Amino acid sequence: MLIKEKSLSKKFLINNMLKITQIKSAIGYKPKAKRTLFALGLKKMNHYVEKTDTPQIRGMIKKIDYLIKVEEV
């Protein structure tokens, strides 16, 4: 697996953490946005989770950026 680790950028090997806070209610938004919030572990407004900074998490954040606030920890 060393070959695969070398192909990753150094940014993701450091294991940066992101603090993701839900700032808007999911009521009235599409079911896909609600499922993305749930997949991130967010359940209600002002609830936050800390996740590792990966391309998968960044993609989820990009899809629902109007419902959440993101800070680097």
PDB file of N, CA and C in Angstrom:
ATOM      1  N   MET A   1       0.797  -1.199   0.000  1.00  0.00           N
ATOM      2  CA  MET A   1       0.000   0.000   0.000  1.00  0.00           C
ATOM      3  C   MET A   1       0.846   1.273   0.000  1.00  0.00           C
ATOM      4  N   LEU A   2       2.144   1.177   0.003  1.00  0.00           N
ATOM      5  CA  LEU A   2       2.989   2.376  -0.006  1.00  0.00           C
ATOM      6  C   LEU A   2       2.815   3.178  -1.278  1.00  0.00           C
ATOM      7  N   ILE A   3       2.578   2.503  -2.388  1.00  0.00           N
ATOM      8  CA  ILE A   3       2.398   3.200  -3.656  1.00  0.00           C
ATOM      9  C   ILE A   3       1.153   4.085  -3.591  1.00  0.00           C
ATOM     10  N   LYS A   4       0.084   3.564  -3.019  1.00  0.00           N
ATOM     11  CA  LYS A   4      -1.151   4.329  -2.928  1.00  0.00           C
ATOM     12  C   LYS A   4      -0.985   5.525  -1.988  1.00  0.00           C
ATOM     13  N   GLU A   5      -0.278   5.356  -0.870  1.00  0.00           N
ATOM     14  CA  GLU A   5      -0.067   6.453   0.068  1.00  0.00           C
ATOM     15  C   GLU A   5       0.775   7.560  -0.554  1.00  0.00           C
ATOM     16  N   LYS A   6       1.742   7.198  -1.383  1.00  0.00           N
ATOM     17  CA  LYS A   6       2.581   8.207  -2.023  1.00  0.00           C
ATOM     18  C   LYS A   6       1.792   9.034  -3.032  1.00  0.00           C
ATOM     19  N   SER A   7       0.760   8.443  -3.625  1.00  0.00           N
ATOM     20  CA  SER A   7      -0.014   9.174  -4.626  1.00  0.00           C
ATOM     21  C   SER A   7      -0.941  10.209  -3.984  1.00  0.00           C
ATOM     22  N   LEU A   8      -1.235  10.071  -2.692  1.00  0.00           N
ATOM     23  CA  LEU A   8      -2.062  11.049  -2.015  1.00  0.00           C
ATOM     24  C   LEU A   8      -1.261  12.322  -1.753  1.00  0.00           C
ATOM     25  N   SER A   9      -1.947  13.441  -1.757  1.00  0.00           N
ATOM     26  CA  SER A   9      -1.250  14.685  -1.465  1.00  0.00           C
ATOM     27  C   SER A   9      -0.931  14.754   0.020  1.00  0.00           C
ATOM     28  N   LYS A  10       0.056  15.541   0.374  1.00  0.00           N
ATOM     29  CA  LYS A  10       0.484  15.661   1.765  1.00  0.00           C
ATOM     30  C   LYS A  10      -0.599  16.280   2.628  1.00  0.00           C
ATOM     31  N   LYS A  11      -1.477  17.069   2.027  1.00  0.00           N
ATOM     32  CA  LYS A  11      -2.550  17.721   2.775  1.00  0.00           C
ATOM     33  C   LYS A  11      -3.430  16.702   3.478  1.00  0.00           C
ATOM     34  N   PHE A  12      -3.711  15.581   2.833  1.00  0.00           N
ATOM     35  CA  PHE A  12      -4.617  14.599   3.403  1.00  0.00           C
ATOM     36  C   PHE A  12      -3.885  13.605   4.308  1.00  0.00           C
ATOM     37  N   LEU A  13      -2.574  13.528   4.254  1.00  0.00           N
ATOM     38  CA  LEU A  13      -1.833  12.628   5.124  1.00  0.00           C
ATOM     39  C   LEU A  13      -1.650  13.211   6.515  1.00  0.00           C
ATOM     40  N   ILE A  14      -1.804  14.510   6.662  1.00  0.00           N
ATOM     41  CA  ILE A  14      -1.628  15.166   7.944  1.00  0.00           C
ATOM     42  C   ILE A  14      -2.828  14.915   8.860  1.00  0.00           C
ATOM     43  N   ASN A  15      -3.950  14.529   8.323  1.00  0.00           N
ATOM     44  CA  ASN A  15      -5.183  14.289   9.066  1.00  0.00           C
ATOM     45  C   ASN A  15      -5.720  15.569   9.686  1.00  0.00           C
ATOM     46  N   ASN A  16      -5.932  16.584   8.870  1.00  0.00           N
ATOM     47  CA  ASN A  16      -6.573  17.802   9.342  1.00  0.00           C
ATOM     48  C   ASN A  16      -7.994  17.477   9.743  1.00  0.00           C
ATOM     49  N   MET A  17      -8.491  18.188  10.740  1.00  0.00           N
ATOM     50  CA  MET A  17      -9.847  17.976  11.216  1.00  0.00           C
ATOM     51  C   MET A  17     -10.711  19.169  10.853  1.00  0.00           C
ATOM     52  N   LEU A  18     -11.978  18.909  10.558  1.00  0.00           N
ATOM     53  CA  LEU A  18     -12.947  19.944  10.242  1.00  0.00           C
ATOM     54  C   LEU A  18     -14.060  19.909  11.272  1.00  0.00           C
ATOM     55  N   LYS A  19     -14.468  21.076  11.744  1.00  0.00           N
ATOM     56  CA  LYS A  19     -15.624  21.184  12.627  1.00  0.00           C
ATOM     57  C   LYS A  19     -16.791  21.634  11.759  1.00  0.00           C
ATOM     58  N   ILE A  20     -17.804  20.779  11.640  1.00  0.00           N
ATOM     59  CA  ILE A  20     -18.951  21.040  10.774  1.00  0.00           C
ATOM     60  C   ILE A  20     -20.167  21.289  11.665  1.00  0.00           C
ATOM     61  N   THR A  21     -20.775  22.468  11.521  1.00  0.00           N
ATOM     62  CA  THR A  21     -21.918  22.866  12.336  1.00  0.00           C
ATOM     63  C   THR A  21     -23.124  23.083  11.443  1.00  0.00           C
ATOM     64  N   GLN A  22     -24.255  22.528  11.830  1.00  0.00           N
ATOM     65  CA  GLN A  22     -25.504  22.750  11.096  1.00  0.00           C
ATOM     66  C   GLN A  22     -26.091  24.079  11.535  1.00  0.00           C
ATOM     67  N   ILE A  23     -26.285  25.007  10.580  1.00  0.00           N
ATOM     68  CA  ILE A  23     -26.777  26.341  10.918  1.00  0.00           C
ATOM     69  C   ILE A  23     -28.199  26.597  10.434  1.00  0.00           C
ATOM     70  N   LYS A  24     -28.727  25.734   9.575  1.00  0.00           N
ATOM     71  CA  LYS A  24     -30.099  25.884   9.082  1.00  0.00           C
ATOM     72  C   LYS A  24     -30.825  24.558   9.215  1.00  0.00           C
ATOM     73  N   SER A  25     -32.122  24.645   9.363  1.00  0.00           N
ATOM     74  CA  SER A  25     -32.943  23.445   9.454  1.00  0.00           C
ATOM     75  C   SER A  25     -33.044  22.771   8.086  1.00  0.00           C
ATOM     76  N   ALA A  26     -33.178  21.462   8.105  1.00  0.00           N
ATOM     77  CA  ALA A  26     -33.314  20.706   6.857  1.00  0.00           C
ATOM     78  C   ALA A  26     -34.752  20.682   6.358  1.00  0.00           C
ATOM     79  N   ILE A  27     -35.673  21.231   7.136  1.00  0.00           N
ATOM     80  CA  ILE A  27     -37.086  21.253   6.737  1.00  0.00           C
ATOM     81  C   ILE A  27     -37.237  22.098   5.474  1.00  0.00           C
ATOM     82  N   GLY A  28     -37.920  21.556   4.484  1.00  0.00           N
ATOM     83  CA  GLY A  28     -38.168  22.276   3.246  1.00  0.00           C
ATOM     84  C   GLY A  28     -37.114  22.059   2.178  1.00  0.00           C
ATOM     85  N   TYR A  29     -36.064  21.309   2.492  1.00  0.00           N
ATOM     86  CA  TYR A  29     -35.031  21.017   1.506  1.00  0.00           C
ATOM     87  C   TYR A  29     -35.212  19.594   0.984  1.00  0.00           C
ATOM     88  N   LYS A  30     -34.550  19.296  -0.103  1.00  0.00           N
ATOM     89  CA  LYS A  30     -34.703  18.004  -0.758  1.00  0.00           C
ATOM     90  C   LYS A  30     -34.226  16.860   0.141  1.00  0.00           C
ATOM     91  N   PRO A  31     -34.827  15.682  -0.045  1.00  0.00           N
ATOM     92  CA  PRO A  31     -34.434  14.523   0.770  1.00  0.00           C
ATOM     93  C   PRO A  31     -32.951  14.177   0.664  1.00  0.00           C
ATOM     94  N   LYS A  32     -32.349  14.430  -0.483  1.00  0.00           N
ATOM     95  CA  LYS A  32     -30.928  14.127  -0.645  1.00  0.00           C
ATOM     96  C   LYS A  32     -30.080  14.995   0.283  1.00  0.00           C
ATOM     97  N   ALA A  33     -30.464  16.252   0.468  1.00  0.00           N
ATOM     98  CA  ALA A  33     -29.742  17.137   1.388  1.00  0.00           C
ATOM     99  C   ALA A  33     -29.903  16.639   2.821  1.00  0.00           C
ATOM    100  N   LYS A  34     -31.085  16.181   3.173  1.00  0.00           N
ATOM    101  CA  LYS A  34     -31.331  15.648   4.514  1.00  0.00           C
ATOM    102  C   LYS A  34     -30.488  14.400   4.768  1.00  0.00           C
ATOM    103  N   ARG A  35     -30.394  13.527   3.752  1.00  0.00           N
ATOM    104  CA  ARG A  35     -29.590  12.308   3.901  1.00  0.00           C
ATOM    105  C   ARG A  35     -28.111  12.640   4.031  1.00  0.00           C
ATOM    106  N   THR A  36     -27.656  13.671   3.338  1.00  0.00           N
ATOM    107  CA  THR A  36     -26.255  14.078   3.436  1.00  0.00           C
ATOM    108  C   THR A  36     -25.956  14.608   4.835  1.00  0.00           C
ATOM    109  N   LEU A  37     -26.870  15.396   5.401  1.00  0.00           N
ATOM    110  CA  LEU A  37     -26.700  15.865   6.783  1.00  0.00           C
ATOM    111  C   LEU A  37     -26.600  14.687   7.740  1.00  0.00           C
ATOM    112  N   PHE A  38     -27.482  13.719   7.570  1.00  0.00           N
ATOM    113  CA  PHE A  38     -27.484  12.546   8.437  1.00  0.00           C
ATOM    114  C   PHE A  38     -26.196  11.746   8.268  1.00  0.00           C
ATOM    115  N   ALA A  39     -25.707  11.624   7.035  1.00  0.00           N
ATOM    116  CA  ALA A  39     -24.468  10.884   6.771  1.00  0.00           C
ATOM    117  C   ALA A  39     -23.264  11.562   7.432  1.00  0.00           C
ATOM    118  N   LEU A  40     -23.309  12.886   7.535  1.00  0.00           N
ATOM    119  CA  LEU A  40     -22.241  13.605   8.225  1.00  0.00           C
ATOM    120  C   LEU A  40     -22.368  13.498   9.744  1.00  0.00           C
ATOM    121  N   GLY A  41     -23.517  13.036  10.217  1.00  0.00           N
ATOM    122  CA  GLY A  41     -23.721  12.877  11.648  1.00  0.00           C
ATOM    123  C   GLY A  41     -24.419  14.055  12.299  1.00  0.00           C
ATOM    124  N   LEU A  42     -24.981  14.943  11.490  1.00  0.00           N
ATOM    125  CA  LEU A  42     -25.676  16.116  12.021  1.00  0.00           C
ATOM    126  C   LEU A  42     -27.150  15.796  12.196  1.00  0.00           C
ATOM    127  N   LYS A  43     -27.695  16.138  13.371  1.00  0.00           N
ATOM    128  CA  LYS A  43     -29.069  15.757  13.673  1.00  0.00           C
ATOM    129  C   LYS A  43     -29.989  16.937  13.897  1.00  0.00           C
ATOM    130  N   LYS A  44     -29.476  18.037  14.410  1.00  0.00           N
ATOM    131  CA  LYS A  44     -30.321  19.205  14.676  1.00  0.00           C
ATOM    132  C   LYS A  44     -29.494  20.474  14.569  1.00  0.00           C
ATOM    133  N   MET A  45     -30.171  21.607  14.583  1.00  0.00           N
ATOM    134  CA  MET A  45     -29.485  22.884  14.415  1.00  0.00           C
ATOM    135  C   MET A  45     -28.504  23.133  15.562  1.00  0.00           C
ATOM    136  N   ASN A  46     -27.393  23.786  15.231  1.00  0.00           N
ATOM    137  CA  ASN A  46     -26.302  24.105  16.148  1.00  0.00           C
ATOM    138  C   ASN A  46     -25.573  22.883  16.681  1.00  0.00           C
ATOM    139  N   HIS A  47     -25.867  21.711  16.137  1.00  0.00           N
ATOM    140  CA  HIS A  47     -25.125  20.502  16.465  1.00  0.00           C
ATOM    141  C   HIS A  47     -23.869  20.491  15.595  1.00  0.00           C
ATOM    142  N   TYR A  48     -22.750  20.044  16.157  1.00  0.00           N
ATOM    143  CA  TYR A  48     -21.524  19.994  15.356  1.00  0.00           C
ATOM    144  C   TYR A  48     -20.846  18.645  15.504  1.00  0.00           C
ATOM    145  N   VAL A  49     -20.072  18.310  14.494  1.00  0.00           N
ATOM    146  CA  VAL A  49     -19.261  17.102  14.488  1.00  0.00           C
ATOM    147  C   VAL A  49     -17.875  17.474  13.998  1.00  0.00           C
ATOM    148  N   GLU A  50     -16.896  16.690  14.375  1.00  0.00           N
ATOM    149  CA  GLU A  50     -15.535  16.868  13.874  1.00  0.00           C
ATOM    150  C   GLU A  50     -15.202  15.676  13.000  1.00  0.00           C
ATOM    151  N   LYS A  51     -14.819  15.970  11.773  1.00  0.00           N
ATOM    152  CA  LYS A  51     -14.510  14.928  10.790  1.00  0.00           C
ATOM    153  C   LYS A  51     -13.105  15.149  10.238  1.00  0.00           C
ATOM    154  N   THR A  52     -12.479  14.072   9.805  1.00  0.00           N
ATOM    155  CA  THR A  52     -11.187  14.158   9.138  1.00  0.00           C
ATOM    156  C   THR A  52     -11.371  14.779   7.761  1.00  0.00           C
ATOM    157  N   ASP A  53     -10.446  15.629   7.374  1.00  0.00           N
ATOM    158  CA  ASP A  53     -10.515  16.315   6.080  1.00  0.00           C
ATOM    159  C   ASP A  53     -10.116  15.347   4.972  1.00  0.00           C
ATOM    160  N   THR A  54     -11.113  14.823   4.266  1.00  0.00           N
ATOM    161  CA  THR A  54     -10.877  13.915   3.140  1.00  0.00           C
ATOM    162  C   THR A  54     -11.653  14.428   1.929  1.00  0.00           C
ATOM    163  N   PRO A  55     -11.323  13.973   0.739  1.00  0.00           N
ATOM    164  CA  PRO A  55     -12.069  14.400  -0.444  1.00  0.00           C
ATOM    165  C   PRO A  55     -13.552  14.020  -0.375  1.00  0.00           C
ATOM    166  N   GLN A  56     -13.872  12.898   0.269  1.00  0.00           N
ATOM    167  CA  GLN A  56     -15.266  12.474   0.379  1.00  0.00           C
ATOM    168  C   GLN A  56     -16.058  13.435   1.257  1.00  0.00           C
ATOM    169  N   ILE A  57     -15.486  13.826   2.377  1.00  0.00           N
ATOM    170  CA  ILE A  57     -16.158  14.761   3.287  1.00  0.00           C
ATOM    171  C   ILE A  57     -16.278  16.126   2.622  1.00  0.00           C
ATOM    172  N   ARG A  58     -15.230  16.569   1.917  1.00  0.00           N
ATOM    173  CA  ARG A  58     -15.283  17.854   1.212  1.00  0.00           C
ATOM    174  C   ARG A  58     -16.390  17.865   0.160  1.00  0.00           C
ATOM    175  N   GLY A  59     -16.605  16.739  -0.517  1.00  0.00           N
ATOM    176  CA  GLY A  59     -17.672  16.647  -1.507  1.00  0.00           C
ATOM    177  C   GLY A  59     -19.046  16.763  -0.875  1.00  0.00           C
ATOM    178  N   MET A  60     -19.210  16.130   0.290  1.00  0.00           N
ATOM    179  CA  MET A  60     -20.484  16.220   1.005  1.00  0.00           C
ATOM    180  C   MET A  60     -20.734  17.651   1.464  1.00  0.00           C
ATOM    181  N   ILE A  61     -19.691  18.302   1.937  1.00  0.00           N
ATOM    182  CA  ILE A  61     -19.795  19.690   2.392  1.00  0.00           C
ATOM    183  C   ILE A  61     -20.192  20.602   1.231  1.00  0.00           C
ATOM    184  N   LYS A  62     -19.600  20.378   0.085  1.00  0.00           N
ATOM    185  CA  LYS A  62     -19.882  21.210  -1.082  1.00  0.00           C
ATOM    186  C   LYS A  62     -21.347  21.097  -1.516  1.00  0.00           C
ATOM    187  N   LYS A  63     -21.930  19.919  -1.368  1.00  0.00           N
ATOM    188  CA  LYS A  63     -23.320  19.703  -1.780  1.00  0.00           C
ATOM    189  C   LYS A  63     -24.332  20.408  -0.882  1.00  0.00           C
ATOM    190  N   ILE A  64     -23.992  20.583   0.407  1.00  0.00           N
ATOM    191  CA  ILE A  64     -24.958  21.187   1.335  1.00  0.00           C
ATOM    192  C   ILE A  64     -24.353  22.396   2.051  1.00  0.00           C
ATOM    193  N   ASP A  65     -23.538  23.158   1.356  1.00  0.00           N
ATOM    194  CA  ASP A  65     -22.861  24.292   1.980  1.00  0.00           C
ATOM    195  C   ASP A  65     -23.824  25.368   2.479  1.00  0.00           C
ATOM    196  N   TYR A  66     -25.061  25.388   1.993  1.00  0.00           N
ATOM    197  CA  TYR A  66     -26.052  26.376   2.417  1.00  0.00           C
ATOM    198  C   TYR A  66     -26.700  26.000   3.748  1.00  0.00           C
ATOM    199  N   LEU A  67     -26.443  24.790   4.256  1.00  0.00           N
ATOM    200  CA  LEU A  67     -27.026  24.350   5.525  1.00  0.00           C
ATOM    201  C   LEU A  67     -26.015  24.278   6.669  1.00  0.00           C
ATOM    202  N   ILE A  68     -24.722  24.397   6.345  1.00  0.00           N
ATOM    203  CA  ILE A  68     -23.704  24.155   7.358  1.00  0.00           C
ATOM    204  C   ILE A  68     -22.640  25.256   7.370  1.00  0.00           C
ATOM    205  N   LYS A  69     -21.861  25.267   8.442  1.00  0.00           N
ATOM    206  CA  LYS A  69     -20.689  26.143   8.573  1.00  0.00           C
ATOM    207  C   LYS A  69     -19.504  25.239   8.846  1.00  0.00           C
ATOM    208  N   VAL A  70     -18.371  25.486   8.191  1.00  0.00           N
ATOM    209  CA  VAL A  70     -17.199  24.635   8.320  1.00  0.00           C
ATOM    210  C   VAL A  70     -16.025  25.453   8.840  1.00  0.00           C
ATOM    211  N   GLU A  71     -15.327  24.898   9.852  1.00  0.00           N
ATOM    212  CA  GLU A  71     -14.126  25.521  10.393  1.00  0.00           C
ATOM    213  C   GLU A  71     -13.041  24.470  10.499  1.00  0.00           C
ATOM    214  N   GLU A  72     -11.801  24.868  10.291  1.00  0.00           N
ATOM    215  CA  GLU A  72     -10.680  23.961  10.489  1.00  0.00           C
ATOM    216  C   GLU A  72     -10.302  23.958  11.956  1.00  0.00           C
ATOM    217  N   VAL A  73     -10.053  22.757  12.483  1.00  0.00           N
ATOM    218  CA  VAL A  73      -9.685  22.633  13.902  1.00  0.00           C
ATOM    219  C   VAL A  73      -8.192  22.448  14.005  1.00  0.00           C
TER     220      VAL A  73
END
